Amino acid sequence: NDRIEIFEHFMKKVKTHPSVSAELLANLTPGLSG
């Protein structure tokens, strides 16, 4: 859940495609720091 919030925060600064979800990216990145 923390990674979802962090991805959402940093993804605000870039133009991402609607198909990109913070939930998917958070699931693929266990163990990563902010």
Full PDB file with SEQRES, HELIX, SHEET, SSBOND, CRYST1, ORIGX, SCALE, CONECT and MASTER records, all heavy atoms in Angstrom:
SEQRES   1 A   34  ASN ASP ARG ILE GLU ILE PHE GLU HIS PHE MET LYS LYS          
SEQRES   2 A   34  VAL LYS THR HIS PRO SER VAL SER ALA GLU LEU LEU ALA          
SEQRES   3 A   34  ASN LEU THR PRO GLY LEU SER GLY                              
HELIX    1 AA1 ASP A    2  MET A   11  1                                  10    
HELIX    2 AA2 ALA A   22  ASN A   27  1                                   6    
CRYST1    1.000    1.000    1.000  90.00  90.00  90.00 P 1           1          
ORIGX1      1.000000  0.000000  0.000000        0.00000                         
ORIGX2      0.000000  1.000000  0.000000        0.00000                         
ORIGX3      0.000000  0.000000  1.000000        0.00000                         
SCALE1      1.000000  0.000000  0.000000        0.00000                         
SCALE2      0.000000  1.000000  0.000000        0.00000                         
SCALE3      0.000000  0.000000  1.000000        0.00000                         
ATOM      1  N   ASN A   1       0.827  -1.209   0.000  1.00  0.00           N  
ATOM      2  CA  ASN A   1       0.000   0.000   0.000  1.00  0.00           C  
ATOM      3  C   ASN A   1       0.860   1.257   0.000  1.00  0.00           C  
ATOM      4  O   ASN A   1       0.506   2.263  -0.632  1.00  0.00           O  
ATOM      5  CB  ASN A   1      -0.937   0.007   1.210  1.00  0.00           C  
ATOM      6  CG  ASN A   1      -2.026  -1.049   1.100  1.00  0.00           C  
ATOM      7  OD1 ASN A   1      -2.461  -1.390   0.003  1.00  0.00           O  
ATOM      8  ND2 ASN A   1      -2.465  -1.575   2.229  1.00  0.00           N  
ATOM      9  N   ASP A   2       1.985   1.204   0.695  1.00  0.00           N  
ATOM     10  CA  ASP A   2       2.904   2.341   0.694  1.00  0.00           C  
ATOM     11  C   ASP A   2       3.446   2.589  -0.712  1.00  0.00           C  
ATOM     12  O   ASP A   2       3.541   3.737  -1.165  1.00  0.00           O  
ATOM     13  CB  ASP A   2       4.070   2.094   1.646  1.00  0.00           C  
ATOM     14  CG  ASP A   2       3.628   1.998   3.099  1.00  0.00           C  
ATOM     15  OD1 ASP A   2       2.592   2.595   3.436  1.00  0.00           O  
ATOM     16  OD2 ASP A   2       4.318   1.315   3.879  1.00  0.00           O  
ATOM     17  N   ARG A   3       3.817   1.504  -1.398  1.00  0.00           N  
ATOM     18  CA  ARG A   3       4.378   1.653  -2.750  1.00  0.00           C  
ATOM     19  C   ARG A   3       3.344   2.237  -3.703  1.00  0.00           C  
ATOM     20  O   ARG A   3       3.700   3.005  -4.614  1.00  0.00           O  
ATOM     21  CB  ARG A   3       4.891   0.301  -3.261  1.00  0.00           C  
ATOM     22  CG  ARG A   3       6.098  -0.226  -2.503  1.00  0.00           C  
ATOM     23  CD  ARG A   3       6.808  -1.339  -3.259  1.00  0.00           C  
ATOM     24  NE  ARG A   3       5.960  -2.493  -3.509  1.00  0.00           N  
ATOM     25  CZ  ARG A   3       5.747  -3.478  -2.644  1.00  0.00           C  
ATOM     26  NH1 ARG A   3       6.333  -3.445  -1.459  1.00  0.00           N  
ATOM     27  NH2 ARG A   3       4.969  -4.506  -2.947  1.00  0.00           N  
ATOM     28  N   ILE A   4       2.091   1.887  -3.526  1.00  0.00           N  
ATOM     29  CA  ILE A   4       1.040   2.481  -4.358  1.00  0.00           C  
ATOM     30  C   ILE A   4       1.039   3.999  -4.196  1.00  0.00           C  
ATOM     31  O   ILE A   4       1.006   4.754  -5.178  1.00  0.00           O  
ATOM     32  CB  ILE A   4      -0.344   1.893  -3.990  1.00  0.00           C  
ATOM     33  CG1 ILE A   4      -0.428   0.423  -4.413  1.00  0.00           C  
ATOM     34  CG2 ILE A   4      -1.466   2.699  -4.666  1.00  0.00           C  
ATOM     35  CD1 ILE A   4      -1.721  -0.248  -4.011  1.00  0.00           C  
ATOM     36  N   GLU A   5       1.079   4.458  -2.946  1.00  0.00           N  
ATOM     37  CA  GLU A   5       1.074   5.897  -2.685  1.00  0.00           C  
ATOM     38  C   GLU A   5       2.302   6.576  -3.264  1.00  0.00           C  
ATOM     39  O   GLU A   5       2.221   7.684  -3.815  1.00  0.00           O  
ATOM     40  CB  GLU A   5       0.997   6.152  -1.182  1.00  0.00           C  
ATOM     41  CG  GLU A   5      -0.331   5.769  -0.543  1.00  0.00           C  
ATOM     42  CD  GLU A   5      -0.404   6.212   0.911  1.00  0.00           C  
ATOM     43  OE1 GLU A   5       0.224   7.233   1.242  1.00  0.00           O  
ATOM     44  OE2 GLU A   5      -1.077   5.544   1.697  1.00  0.00           O  
ATOM     45  N   ILE A   6       3.461   5.921  -3.133  1.00  0.00           N  
ATOM     46  CA  ILE A   6       4.698   6.511  -3.643  1.00  0.00           C  
ATOM     47  C   ILE A   6       4.665   6.589  -5.164  1.00  0.00           C  
ATOM     48  O   ILE A   6       5.052   7.613  -5.759  1.00  0.00           O  
ATOM     49  CB  ILE A   6       5.922   5.704  -3.164  1.00  0.00           C  
ATOM     50  CG1 ILE A   6       6.022   5.750  -1.640  1.00  0.00           C  
ATOM     51  CG2 ILE A   6       7.203   6.252  -3.772  1.00  0.00           C  
ATOM     52  CD1 ILE A   6       7.071   4.829  -1.066  1.00  0.00           C  
ATOM     53  N   PHE A   7       4.204   5.529  -5.824  1.00  0.00           N  
ATOM     54  CA  PHE A   7       4.084   5.553  -7.291  1.00  0.00           C  
ATOM     55  C   PHE A   7       3.118   6.650  -7.736  1.00  0.00           C  
ATOM     56  O   PHE A   7       3.390   7.383  -8.692  1.00  0.00           O  
ATOM     57  CB  PHE A   7       3.614   4.195  -7.815  1.00  0.00           C  
ATOM     58  CG  PHE A   7       4.742   3.267  -8.176  1.00  0.00           C  
ATOM     59  CD1 PHE A   7       4.961   2.101  -7.452  1.00  0.00           C  
ATOM     60  CD2 PHE A   7       5.587   3.547  -9.243  1.00  0.00           C  
ATOM     61  CE1 PHE A   7       6.007   1.245  -7.767  1.00  0.00           C  
ATOM     62  CE2 PHE A   7       6.633   2.691  -9.574  1.00  0.00           C  
ATOM     63  CZ  PHE A   7       6.841   1.541  -8.835  1.00  0.00           C  
ATOM     64  N   GLU A   8       1.985   6.754  -7.053  1.00  0.00           N  
ATOM     65  CA  GLU A   8       1.009   7.791  -7.407  1.00  0.00           C  
ATOM     66  C   GLU A   8       1.618   9.184  -7.279  1.00  0.00           C  
ATOM     67  O   GLU A   8       1.356  10.067  -8.094  1.00  0.00           O  
ATOM     68  CB  GLU A   8      -0.232   7.664  -6.525  1.00  0.00           C  
ATOM     69  CG  GLU A   8      -1.098   6.449  -6.853  1.00  0.00           C  
ATOM     70  CD  GLU A   8      -2.256   6.275  -5.894  1.00  0.00           C  
ATOM     71  OE1 GLU A   8      -2.227   6.915  -4.812  1.00  0.00           O  
ATOM     72  OE2 GLU A   8      -3.191   5.517  -6.210  1.00  0.00           O  
ATOM     73  N   HIS A   9       2.449   9.365  -6.237  1.00  0.00           N  
ATOM     74  CA  HIS A   9       3.085  10.667  -6.020  1.00  0.00           C  
ATOM     75  C   HIS A   9       4.043  11.008  -7.159  1.00  0.00           C  
ATOM     76  O   HIS A   9       3.980  12.113  -7.730  1.00  0.00           O  
ATOM     77  CB  HIS A   9       3.824  10.660  -4.683  1.00  0.00           C  
ATOM     78  CG  HIS A   9       4.689  11.866  -4.471  1.00  0.00           C  
ATOM     79  ND1 HIS A   9       4.182  13.109  -4.167  1.00  0.00           N  
ATOM     80  CD2 HIS A   9       6.050  12.031  -4.532  1.00  0.00           C  
ATOM     81  CE1 HIS A   9       5.169  13.980  -4.046  1.00  0.00           C  
ATOM     82  NE2 HIS A   9       6.313  13.349  -4.252  1.00  0.00           N  
ATOM     83  N   PHE A  10       4.918  10.091  -7.515  1.00  0.00           N  
ATOM     84  CA  PHE A  10       5.921  10.382  -8.539  1.00  0.00           C  
ATOM     85  C   PHE A  10       5.330  10.346  -9.947  1.00  0.00           C  
ATOM     86  O   PHE A  10       5.841  11.032 -10.850  1.00  0.00           O  
ATOM     87  CB  PHE A  10       7.092   9.400  -8.429  1.00  0.00           C  
ATOM     88  CG  PHE A  10       7.971   9.643  -7.235  1.00  0.00           C  
ATOM     89  CD1 PHE A  10       8.059   8.709  -6.210  1.00  0.00           C  
ATOM     90  CD2 PHE A  10       8.710  10.804  -7.117  1.00  0.00           C  
ATOM     91  CE1 PHE A  10       8.857   8.942  -5.105  1.00  0.00           C  
ATOM     92  CE2 PHE A  10       9.520  11.041  -6.016  1.00  0.00           C  
ATOM     93  CZ  PHE A  10       9.597  10.110  -5.008  1.00  0.00           C  
ATOM     94  N   MET A  11       4.271   9.569 -10.154  1.00  0.00           N  
ATOM     95  CA  MET A  11       3.658   9.493 -11.484  1.00  0.00           C  
ATOM     96  C   MET A  11       2.891  10.758 -11.834  1.00  0.00           C  
ATOM     97  O   MET A  11       2.565  10.981 -13.001  1.00  0.00           O  
ATOM     98  CB  MET A  11       2.751   8.262 -11.569  1.00  0.00           C  
ATOM     99  CG  MET A  11       3.524   6.952 -11.685  1.00  0.00           C  
ATOM    100  SD  MET A  11       2.505   5.470 -11.375  1.00  0.00           S  
ATOM    101  CE  MET A  11       1.253   5.627 -12.629  1.00  0.00           C  
ATOM    102  N   LYS A  12       2.597  11.592 -10.837  1.00  0.00           N  
ATOM    103  CA  LYS A  12       1.935  12.876 -11.121  1.00  0.00           C  
ATOM    104  C   LYS A  12       2.831  13.787 -11.954  1.00  0.00           C  
ATOM    105  O   LYS A  12       2.344  14.682 -12.653  1.00  0.00           O  
ATOM    106  CB  LYS A  12       1.574  13.578  -9.807  1.00  0.00           C  
ATOM    107  CG  LYS A  12       0.466  12.905  -9.015  1.00  0.00           C  
ATOM    108  CD  LYS A  12       0.238  13.644  -7.694  1.00  0.00           C  
ATOM    109  CE  LYS A  12      -0.829  12.957  -6.856  1.00  0.00           C  
ATOM    110  NZ  LYS A  12      -1.009  13.621  -5.531  1.00  0.00           N  
ATOM    111  N   LYS A  13       4.137  13.556 -11.869  1.00  0.00           N  
ATOM    112  CA  LYS A  13       5.096  14.428 -12.550  1.00  0.00           C  
ATOM    113  C   LYS A  13       5.363  14.009 -13.996  1.00  0.00           C  
ATOM    114  O   LYS A  13       6.050  14.722 -14.730  1.00  0.00           O  
ATOM    115  CB  LYS A  13       6.410  14.444 -11.772  1.00  0.00           C  
ATOM    116  CG  LYS A  13       6.259  14.877 -10.318  1.00  0.00           C  
ATOM    117  CD  LYS A  13       7.572  14.774  -9.560  1.00  0.00           C  
ATOM    118  CE  LYS A  13       7.386  15.122  -8.089  1.00  0.00           C  
ATOM    119  NZ  LYS A  13       8.653  15.019  -7.322  1.00  0.00           N  
ATOM    120  N   VAL A  14       4.873  12.833 -14.399  1.00  0.00           N  
ATOM    121  CA  VAL A  14       5.115  12.345 -15.758  1.00  0.00           C  
ATOM    122  C   VAL A  14       3.781  12.022 -16.430  1.00  0.00           C  
ATOM    123  O   VAL A  14       2.773  11.769 -15.761  1.00  0.00           O  
ATOM    124  CB  VAL A  14       6.023  11.090 -15.754  1.00  0.00           C  
ATOM    125  CG1 VAL A  14       7.382  11.399 -15.154  1.00  0.00           C  
ATOM    126  CG2 VAL A  14       5.365   9.948 -15.012  1.00  0.00           C  
ATOM    127  N   LYS A  15       3.789  12.032 -17.748  1.00  0.00           N  
ATOM    128  CA  LYS A  15       2.580  11.729 -18.512  1.00  0.00           C  
ATOM    129  C   LYS A  15       2.487  10.220 -18.738  1.00  0.00           C  
ATOM    130  O   LYS A  15       3.168   9.672 -19.602  1.00  0.00           O  
ATOM    131  CB  LYS A  15       2.597  12.461 -19.857  1.00  0.00           C  
ATOM    132  CG  LYS A  15       2.538  13.971 -19.736  1.00  0.00           C  
ATOM    133  CD  LYS A  15       2.521  14.618 -21.116  1.00  0.00           C  
ATOM    134  CE  LYS A  15       2.433  16.140 -20.991  1.00  0.00           C  
ATOM    135  NZ  LYS A  15       2.425  16.797 -22.315  1.00  0.00           N  
ATOM    136  N   THR A  16       1.701   9.556 -17.950  1.00  0.00           N  
ATOM    137  CA  THR A  16       1.548   8.107 -18.059  1.00  0.00           C  
ATOM    138  C   THR A  16       0.288   7.756 -18.822  1.00  0.00           C  
ATOM    139  O   THR A  16      -0.711   8.484 -18.777  1.00  0.00           O  
ATOM    140  CB  THR A  16       1.493   7.455 -16.665  1.00  0.00           C  
ATOM    141  OG1 THR A  16       0.415   8.028 -15.921  1.00  0.00           O  
ATOM    142  CG2 THR A  16       2.782   7.678 -15.914  1.00  0.00           C  
ATOM    143  N   HIS A  17       0.325   6.641 -19.501  1.00  0.00           N  
ATOM    144  CA  HIS A  17      -0.843   6.150 -20.240  1.00  0.00           C  
ATOM    145  C   HIS A  17      -1.907   5.670 -19.248  1.00  0.00           C  
ATOM    146  O   HIS A  17      -1.562   5.180 -18.159  1.00  0.00           O  
ATOM    147  CB  HIS A  17      -0.425   4.994 -21.150  1.00  0.00           C  
ATOM    148  CG  HIS A  17      -1.471   4.600 -22.140  1.00  0.00           C  
ATOM    149  ND1 HIS A  17      -2.418   3.633 -21.879  1.00  0.00           N  
ATOM    150  CD2 HIS A  17      -1.727   5.069 -23.403  1.00  0.00           C  
ATOM    151  CE1 HIS A  17      -3.203   3.506 -22.930  1.00  0.00           C  
ATOM    152  NE2 HIS A  17      -2.810   4.361 -23.865  1.00  0.00           N  
ATOM    153  N   PRO A  18      -3.199   5.838 -19.582  1.00  0.00           N  
ATOM    154  CA  PRO A  18      -4.264   5.391 -18.672  1.00  0.00           C  
ATOM    155  C   PRO A  18      -4.173   3.926 -18.266  1.00  0.00           C  
ATOM    156  O   PRO A  18      -4.694   3.530 -17.216  1.00  0.00           O  
ATOM    157  CB  PRO A  18      -5.542   5.668 -19.469  1.00  0.00           C  
ATOM    158  CG  PRO A  18      -5.173   6.786 -20.394  1.00  0.00           C  
ATOM    159  CD  PRO A  18      -3.748   6.551 -20.752  1.00  0.00           C  
ATOM    160  N   SER A  19      -3.504   3.095 -19.080  1.00  0.00           N  
ATOM    161  CA  SER A  19      -3.386   1.667 -18.763  1.00  0.00           C  
ATOM    162  C   SER A  19      -2.389   1.399 -17.638  1.00  0.00           C  
ATOM    163  O   SER A  19      -2.351   0.302 -17.086  1.00  0.00           O  
ATOM    164  CB  SER A  19      -2.976   0.878 -20.010  1.00  0.00           C  
ATOM    165  OG  SER A  19      -1.696   1.292 -20.467  1.00  0.00           O  
ATOM    166  N   VAL A  20      -1.577   2.382 -17.300  1.00  0.00           N  
ATOM    167  CA  VAL A  20      -0.580   2.219 -16.243  1.00  0.00           C  
ATOM    168  C   VAL A  20      -1.242   2.485 -14.898  1.00  0.00           C  
ATOM    169  O   VAL A  20      -1.792   3.556 -14.669  1.00  0.00           O  
ATOM    170  CB  VAL A  20       0.605   3.183 -16.430  1.00  0.00           C  
ATOM    171  CG1 VAL A  20       1.615   2.993 -15.300  1.00  0.00           C  
ATOM    172  CG2 VAL A  20       1.267   2.967 -17.775  1.00  0.00           C  
ATOM    173  N   SER A  21      -1.185   1.507 -14.016  1.00  0.00           N  
ATOM    174  CA  SER A  21      -1.780   1.675 -12.687  1.00  0.00           C  
ATOM    175  C   SER A  21      -0.710   1.541 -11.615  1.00  0.00           C  
ATOM    176  O   SER A  21       0.225   0.736 -11.740  1.00  0.00           O  
ATOM    177  CB  SER A  21      -2.878   0.635 -12.451  1.00  0.00           C  
ATOM    178  OG  SER A  21      -2.328  -0.656 -12.311  1.00  0.00           O  
ATOM    179  N   ALA A  22      -0.847   2.339 -10.573  1.00  0.00           N  
ATOM    180  CA  ALA A  22       0.096   2.271  -9.463  1.00  0.00           C  
ATOM    181  C   ALA A  22       0.015   0.918  -8.772  1.00  0.00           C  
ATOM    182  O   ALA A  22       1.014   0.418  -8.248  1.00  0.00           O  
ATOM    183  CB  ALA A  22      -0.195   3.399  -8.470  1.00  0.00           C  
ATOM    184  N   GLU A  23      -1.175   0.310  -8.758  1.00  0.00           N  
ATOM    185  CA  GLU A  23      -1.356  -1.002  -8.129  1.00  0.00           C  
ATOM    186  C   GLU A  23      -0.514  -2.066  -8.832  1.00  0.00           C  
ATOM    187  O   GLU A  23       0.141  -2.891  -8.185  1.00  0.00           O  
ATOM    188  CB  GLU A  23      -2.834  -1.412  -8.148  1.00  0.00           C  
ATOM    189  CG  GLU A  23      -3.730  -0.605  -7.228  1.00  0.00           C  
ATOM    190  CD  GLU A  23      -4.095   0.760  -7.809  1.00  0.00           C  
ATOM    191  OE1 GLU A  23      -3.758   1.024  -8.991  1.00  0.00           O  
ATOM    192  OE2 GLU A  23      -4.731   1.552  -7.093  1.00  0.00           O  
ATOM    193  N   LEU A  24      -0.513  -2.049 -10.171  1.00  0.00           N  
ATOM    194  CA  LEU A  24       0.281  -3.019 -10.939  1.00  0.00           C  
ATOM    195  C   LEU A  24       1.761  -2.836 -10.667  1.00  0.00           C  
ATOM    196  O   LEU A  24       2.490  -3.803 -10.411  1.00  0.00           O  
ATOM    197  CB  LEU A  24      -0.003  -2.853 -12.434  1.00  0.00           C  
ATOM    198  CG  LEU A  24       0.903  -3.654 -13.393  1.00  0.00           C  
ATOM    199  CD1 LEU A  24       0.702  -5.153 -13.192  1.00  0.00           C  
ATOM    200  CD2 LEU A  24       0.628  -3.268 -14.841  1.00  0.00           C  
ATOM    201  N   LEU A  25       2.227  -1.586 -10.697  1.00  0.00           N  
ATOM    202  CA  LEU A  25       3.644  -1.318 -10.492  1.00  0.00           C  
ATOM    203  C   LEU A  25       4.071  -1.673  -9.069  1.00  0.00           C  
ATOM    204  O   LEU A  25       5.167  -2.194  -8.854  1.00  0.00           O  
ATOM    205  CB  LEU A  25       3.934   0.157 -10.773  1.00  0.00           C  
ATOM    206  CG  LEU A  25       3.690   0.619 -12.213  1.00  0.00           C  
ATOM    207  CD1 LEU A  25       3.922   2.120 -12.338  1.00  0.00           C  
ATOM    208  CD2 LEU A  25       4.583  -0.140 -13.184  1.00  0.00           C  
ATOM    209  N   ALA A  26       3.213  -1.407  -8.096  1.00  0.00           N  
ATOM    210  CA  ALA A  26       3.530  -1.744  -6.707  1.00  0.00           C  
ATOM    211  C   ALA A  26       3.656  -3.244  -6.526  1.00  0.00           C  
ATOM    212  O   ALA A  26       4.497  -3.727  -5.765  1.00  0.00           O  
ATOM    213  CB  ALA A  26       2.450  -1.192  -5.776  1.00  0.00           C  
ATOM    214  N   ASN A  27       2.843  -4.009  -7.239  1.00  0.00           N  
ATOM    215  CA  ASN A  27       2.889  -5.468  -7.152  1.00  0.00           C  
ATOM    216  C   ASN A  27       4.167  -6.030  -7.766  1.00  0.00           C  
ATOM    217  O   ASN A  27       4.637  -7.095  -7.358  1.00  0.00           O  
ATOM    218  CB  ASN A  27       1.670  -6.062  -7.861  1.00  0.00           C  
ATOM    219  CG  ASN A  27       1.540  -7.554  -7.634  1.00  0.00           C  
ATOM    220  OD1 ASN A  27       1.551  -8.033  -6.506  1.00  0.00           O  
ATOM    221  ND2 ASN A  27       1.416  -8.311  -8.713  1.00  0.00           N  
ATOM    222  N   LEU A  28       4.755  -5.293  -8.721  1.00  0.00           N  
ATOM    223  CA  LEU A  28       5.950  -5.768  -9.417  1.00  0.00           C  
ATOM    224  C   LEU A  28       7.249  -5.318  -8.756  1.00  0.00           C  
ATOM    225  O   LEU A  28       8.330  -5.695  -9.201  1.00  0.00           O  
ATOM    226  CB  LEU A  28       5.947  -5.272 -10.871  1.00  0.00           C  
ATOM    227  CG  LEU A  28       4.826  -5.791 -11.778  1.00  0.00           C  
ATOM    228  CD1 LEU A  28       4.887  -5.105 -13.141  1.00  0.00           C  
ATOM    229  CD2 LEU A  28       4.920  -7.298 -11.951  1.00  0.00           C  
ATOM    230  N   THR A  29       7.137  -4.540  -7.691  1.00  0.00           N  
ATOM    231  CA  THR A  29       8.355  -3.944  -7.108  1.00  0.00           C  
ATOM    232  C   THR A  29       8.488  -4.171  -5.605  1.00  0.00           C  
ATOM    233  O   THR A  29       8.710  -3.212  -4.855  1.00  0.00           O  
ATOM    234  CB  THR A  29       8.386  -2.434  -7.406  1.00  0.00           C  
ATOM    235  OG1 THR A  29       7.127  -1.857  -6.965  1.00  0.00           O  
ATOM    236  CG2 THR A  29       8.591  -2.155  -8.866  1.00  0.00           C  
ATOM    237  N   PRO A  30       8.339  -5.393  -5.117  1.00  0.00           N  
ATOM    238  CA  PRO A  30       8.532  -5.618  -3.673  1.00  0.00           C  
ATOM    239  C   PRO A  30       9.987  -5.368  -3.285  1.00  0.00           C  
ATOM    240  O   PRO A  30      10.906  -5.691  -4.035  1.00  0.00           O  
ATOM    241  CB  PRO A  30       8.161  -7.096  -3.500  1.00  0.00           C  
ATOM    242  CG  PRO A  30       8.415  -7.719  -4.837  1.00  0.00           C  
ATOM    243  CD  PRO A  30       8.066  -6.660  -5.834  1.00  0.00           C  
ATOM    244  N   GLY A  31      10.174  -4.766  -2.115  1.00  0.00           N  
ATOM    245  CA  GLY A  31      11.527  -4.533  -1.626  1.00  0.00           C  
ATOM    246  C   GLY A  31      12.173  -3.250  -2.087  1.00  0.00           C  
ATOM    247  O   GLY A  31      13.291  -2.932  -1.670  1.00  0.00           O  
ATOM    248  N   LEU A  32      11.496  -2.462  -2.945  1.00  0.00           N  
ATOM    249  CA  LEU A  32      12.073  -1.213  -3.398  1.00  0.00           C  
ATOM    250  C   LEU A  32      11.802  -0.093  -2.399  1.00  0.00           C  
ATOM    251  O   LEU A  32      10.733  -0.032  -1.801  1.00  0.00           O  
ATOM    252  CB  LEU A  32      11.504  -0.815  -4.766  1.00  0.00           C  
ATOM    253  CG  LEU A  32      12.379  -1.188  -5.986  1.00  0.00           C  
ATOM    254  CD1 LEU A  32      12.522  -2.707  -6.070  1.00  0.00           C  
ATOM    255  CD2 LEU A  32      11.756  -0.641  -7.263  1.00  0.00           C  
ATOM    256  N   SER A  33      12.771   0.790  -2.245  1.00  0.00           N  
ATOM    257  CA  SER A  33      12.612   1.946  -1.359  1.00  0.00           C  
ATOM    258  C   SER A  33      11.979   3.096  -2.135  1.00  0.00           C  
ATOM    259  O   SER A  33      11.806   3.023  -3.364  1.00  0.00           O  
ATOM    260  CB  SER A  33      13.970   2.374  -0.808  1.00  0.00           C  
ATOM    261  OG  SER A  33      14.785   2.883  -1.855  1.00  0.00           O  
ATOM    262  N   GLY A  34      11.683   4.172  -1.431  1.00  0.00           N  
ATOM    263  CA  GLY A  34      11.127   5.338  -2.098  1.00  0.00           C  
ATOM    264  C   GLY A  34      12.075   5.910  -3.131  1.00  0.00           C  
ATOM    265  O   GLY A  34      11.653   6.326  -4.220  1.00  0.00           O  
TER     266      GLY A  34                                                      
MASTER        0    0    0    2    0    0    0    6  265    1    0    3          
END                                                                             
